[in-house]
């Protein structure tokens, strides 16, 4: 699995248009081979965080190279974001807990 963490701050007045582009990017990403999950969060200080999971680096690279995604990336830099930071990571450790299940 490969996890991409996209942290950003948006420019004033672009929230509605960015939401439309973001919805389209979700539709595209979720249809890509190797897509696993996509979640958005907004912190109290206004920073947005998006976490995207793909099965492999090849799937991440295919998403990054998607023509419509590349247009959205350019618009993000020129129109939507005041700043952003992207980290592409592979998990070092991966485990979970669900209440009611026994560890084993």
C-alpha atoms as a PDB file:
ATOM      1  CA  UNK A   1       0.000   0.000   0.000  1.00  0.00           C
ATOM      2  CA  UNK A   2       1.060   3.587  -0.694  1.00  0.00           C
ATOM      3  CA  UNK A   3      -0.407   6.491   1.262  1.00  0.00           C
ATOM      4  CA  UNK A   4      -0.427  10.054  -0.036  1.00  0.00           C
ATOM      5  CA  UNK A   5      -0.972  12.813   2.520  1.00  0.00           C
ATOM      6  CA  UNK A   6      -1.976  16.117   0.930  1.00  0.00           C
ATOM      7  CA  UNK A   7      -1.962  19.056   3.381  1.00  0.00           C
ATOM      8  CA  UNK A   8      -3.181  22.405   2.083  1.00  0.00           C
ATOM      9  CA  UNK A   9      -4.592  25.844   2.727  1.00  0.00           C
ATOM     10  CA  UNK A  10      -7.025  27.338   0.267  1.00  0.00           C
ATOM     11  CA  UNK A  11      -7.185  30.906  -0.969  1.00  0.00           C
ATOM     12  CA  UNK A  12     -10.142  33.041   0.084  1.00  0.00           C
ATOM     13  CA  UNK A  13     -13.217  32.823  -2.105  1.00  0.00           C
ATOM     14  CA  UNK A  14     -12.408  29.614  -3.981  1.00  0.00           C
ATOM     15  CA  UNK A  15     -14.073  27.068  -1.716  1.00  0.00           C
ATOM     16  CA  UNK A  16     -17.092  26.342  -3.880  1.00  0.00           C
ATOM     17  CA  UNK A  17     -15.166  25.914  -7.132  1.00  0.00           C
ATOM     18  CA  UNK A  18     -12.471  23.873  -5.393  1.00  0.00           C
ATOM     19  CA  UNK A  19     -15.166  21.613  -3.924  1.00  0.00           C
ATOM     20  CA  UNK A  20     -16.459  20.909  -7.444  1.00  0.00           C
ATOM     21  CA  UNK A  21     -12.964  20.114  -8.724  1.00  0.00           C
ATOM     22  CA  UNK A  22     -12.306  18.014  -5.613  1.00  0.00           C
ATOM     23  CA  UNK A  23     -15.476  15.989  -6.204  1.00  0.00           C
ATOM     24  CA  UNK A  24     -14.407  15.326  -9.779  1.00  0.00           C
ATOM     25  CA  UNK A  25     -10.923  14.280  -8.631  1.00  0.00           C
ATOM     26  CA  UNK A  26     -12.504  11.860  -6.146  1.00  0.00           C
ATOM     27  CA  UNK A  27     -14.641  10.384  -8.941  1.00  0.00           C
ATOM     28  CA  UNK A  28     -11.580   9.928 -11.141  1.00  0.00           C
ATOM     29  CA  UNK A  29      -9.250   8.628  -8.416  1.00  0.00           C
ATOM     30  CA  UNK A  30     -11.788   6.126  -7.119  1.00  0.00           C
ATOM     31  CA  UNK A  31     -12.202   4.696 -10.631  1.00  0.00           C
ATOM     32  CA  UNK A  32      -8.447   4.160 -11.083  1.00  0.00           C
ATOM     33  CA  UNK A  33      -7.029   0.624 -10.839  1.00  0.00           C
ATOM     34  CA  UNK A  34      -5.381   0.133  -7.456  1.00  0.00           C
ATOM     35  CA  UNK A  35      -7.431   2.804  -5.652  1.00  0.00           C
ATOM     36  CA  UNK A  36      -8.184   1.903  -2.013  1.00  0.00           C
ATOM     37  CA  UNK A  37      -9.523   4.952  -0.167  1.00  0.00           C
ATOM     38  CA  UNK A  38      -9.840   8.734  -0.035  1.00  0.00           C
ATOM     39  CA  UNK A  39     -10.701  10.888   2.996  1.00  0.00           C
ATOM     40  CA  UNK A  40     -10.771  14.647   3.613  1.00  0.00           C
ATOM     41  CA  UNK A  41     -10.432  16.476   6.917  1.00  0.00           C
ATOM     42  CA  UNK A  42     -10.225  20.134   7.936  1.00  0.00           C
ATOM     43  CA  UNK A  43      -8.375  21.124  11.114  1.00  0.00           C
ATOM     44  CA  UNK A  44      -9.539  23.881  13.454  1.00  0.00           C
ATOM     45  CA  UNK A  45      -6.783  26.154  12.091  1.00  0.00           C
ATOM     46  CA  UNK A  46      -8.149  25.796   8.538  1.00  0.00           C
ATOM     47  CA  UNK A  47      -5.562  23.389   7.191  1.00  0.00           C
ATOM     48  CA  UNK A  48      -7.074  20.705   4.978  1.00  0.00           C
ATOM     49  CA  UNK A  49      -5.741  17.155   4.941  1.00  0.00           C
ATOM     50  CA  UNK A  50      -6.565  14.558   2.314  1.00  0.00           C
ATOM     51  CA  UNK A  51      -5.395  10.970   2.699  1.00  0.00           C
ATOM     52  CA  UNK A  52      -5.399   8.794  -0.411  1.00  0.00           C
ATOM     53  CA  UNK A  53      -4.446   5.114  -0.456  1.00  0.00           C
ATOM     54  CA  UNK A  54      -3.477   3.096  -3.518  1.00  0.00           C
ATOM     55  CA  UNK A  55      -2.291  -0.503  -3.761  1.00  0.00           C
ATOM     56  CA  UNK A  56       1.095   0.312  -5.325  1.00  0.00           C
ATOM     57  CA  UNK A  57       3.472   3.039  -6.420  1.00  0.00           C
ATOM     58  CA  UNK A  58       2.559   2.224 -10.030  1.00  0.00           C
ATOM     59  CA  UNK A  59      -1.088   3.041  -9.238  1.00  0.00           C
ATOM     60  CA  UNK A  60      -0.033   6.319  -7.566  1.00  0.00           C
ATOM     61  CA  UNK A  61       2.097   7.217 -10.586  1.00  0.00           C
ATOM     62  CA  UNK A  62      -0.817   6.473 -12.948  1.00  0.00           C
ATOM     63  CA  UNK A  63      -3.057   8.755 -10.874  1.00  0.00           C
ATOM     64  CA  UNK A  64      -0.444  11.493 -10.802  1.00  0.00           C
ATOM     65  CA  UNK A  65      -0.098  11.287 -14.604  1.00  0.00           C
ATOM     66  CA  UNK A  66      -3.837  11.244 -15.362  1.00  0.00           C
ATOM     67  CA  UNK A  67      -4.434  14.139 -17.804  1.00  0.00           C
ATOM     68  CA  UNK A  68      -7.459  15.591 -15.975  1.00  0.00           C
ATOM     69  CA  UNK A  69      -5.627  15.318 -12.647  1.00  0.00           C
ATOM     70  CA  UNK A  70      -2.648  17.169 -14.142  1.00  0.00           C
ATOM     71  CA  UNK A  71      -4.948  20.036 -15.191  1.00  0.00           C
ATOM     72  CA  UNK A  72      -6.392  20.126 -11.658  1.00  0.00           C
ATOM     73  CA  UNK A  73      -2.855  20.179 -10.208  1.00  0.00           C
ATOM     74  CA  UNK A  74      -1.982  23.235 -12.314  1.00  0.00           C
ATOM     75  CA  UNK A  75      -5.215  24.968 -11.305  1.00  0.00           C
ATOM     76  CA  UNK A  76      -4.467  24.141  -7.680  1.00  0.00           C
ATOM     77  CA  UNK A  77      -1.144  25.970  -7.861  1.00  0.00           C
ATOM     78  CA  UNK A  78      -2.468  28.952  -9.798  1.00  0.00           C
ATOM     79  CA  UNK A  79      -6.022  29.355  -8.465  1.00  0.00           C
ATOM     80  CA  UNK A  80      -6.908  27.367  -5.347  1.00  0.00           C
ATOM     81  CA  UNK A  81      -4.094  26.862  -2.844  1.00  0.00           C
ATOM     82  CA  UNK A  82      -2.023  29.381  -0.932  1.00  0.00           C
ATOM     83  CA  UNK A  83       0.273  26.499   0.010  1.00  0.00           C
ATOM     84  CA  UNK A  84       0.375  22.723   0.126  1.00  0.00           C
ATOM     85  CA  UNK A  85       2.629  19.861   1.141  1.00  0.00           C
ATOM     86  CA  UNK A  86       2.478  16.320  -0.264  1.00  0.00           C
ATOM     87  CA  UNK A  87       3.998  13.219   1.291  1.00  0.00           C
ATOM     88  CA  UNK A  88       3.944   9.843  -0.475  1.00  0.00           C
ATOM     89  CA  UNK A  89       4.624   7.079   2.029  1.00  0.00           C
ATOM     90  CA  UNK A  90       4.657   3.337   2.480  1.00  0.00           C
ATOM     91  CA  UNK A  91       3.539   2.064   5.874  1.00  0.00           C
ATOM     92  CA  UNK A  92       6.245   0.807   8.194  1.00  0.00           C
ATOM     93  CA  UNK A  93       3.688  -0.868  10.421  1.00  0.00           C
ATOM     94  CA  UNK A  94      -0.012  -1.539   9.748  1.00  0.00           C
ATOM     95  CA  UNK A  95      -2.457  -2.879  12.304  1.00  0.00           C
ATOM     96  CA  UNK A  96      -5.909  -2.089  13.613  1.00  0.00           C
ATOM     97  CA  UNK A  97      -8.274  -2.625  16.511  1.00  0.00           C
ATOM     98  CA  UNK A  98     -12.038  -2.929  16.575  1.00  0.00           C
ATOM     99  CA  UNK A  99     -13.851  -2.989  19.896  1.00  0.00           C
ATOM    100  CA  UNK A 100     -15.455  -6.339  20.609  1.00  0.00           C
ATOM    101  CA  UNK A 101     -12.892  -8.415  18.744  1.00  0.00           C
ATOM    102  CA  UNK A 102     -10.329 -10.485  20.554  1.00  0.00           C
ATOM    103  CA  UNK A 103      -6.664  -9.846  19.863  1.00  0.00           C
ATOM    104  CA  UNK A 104      -4.929 -12.821  18.493  1.00  0.00           C
END
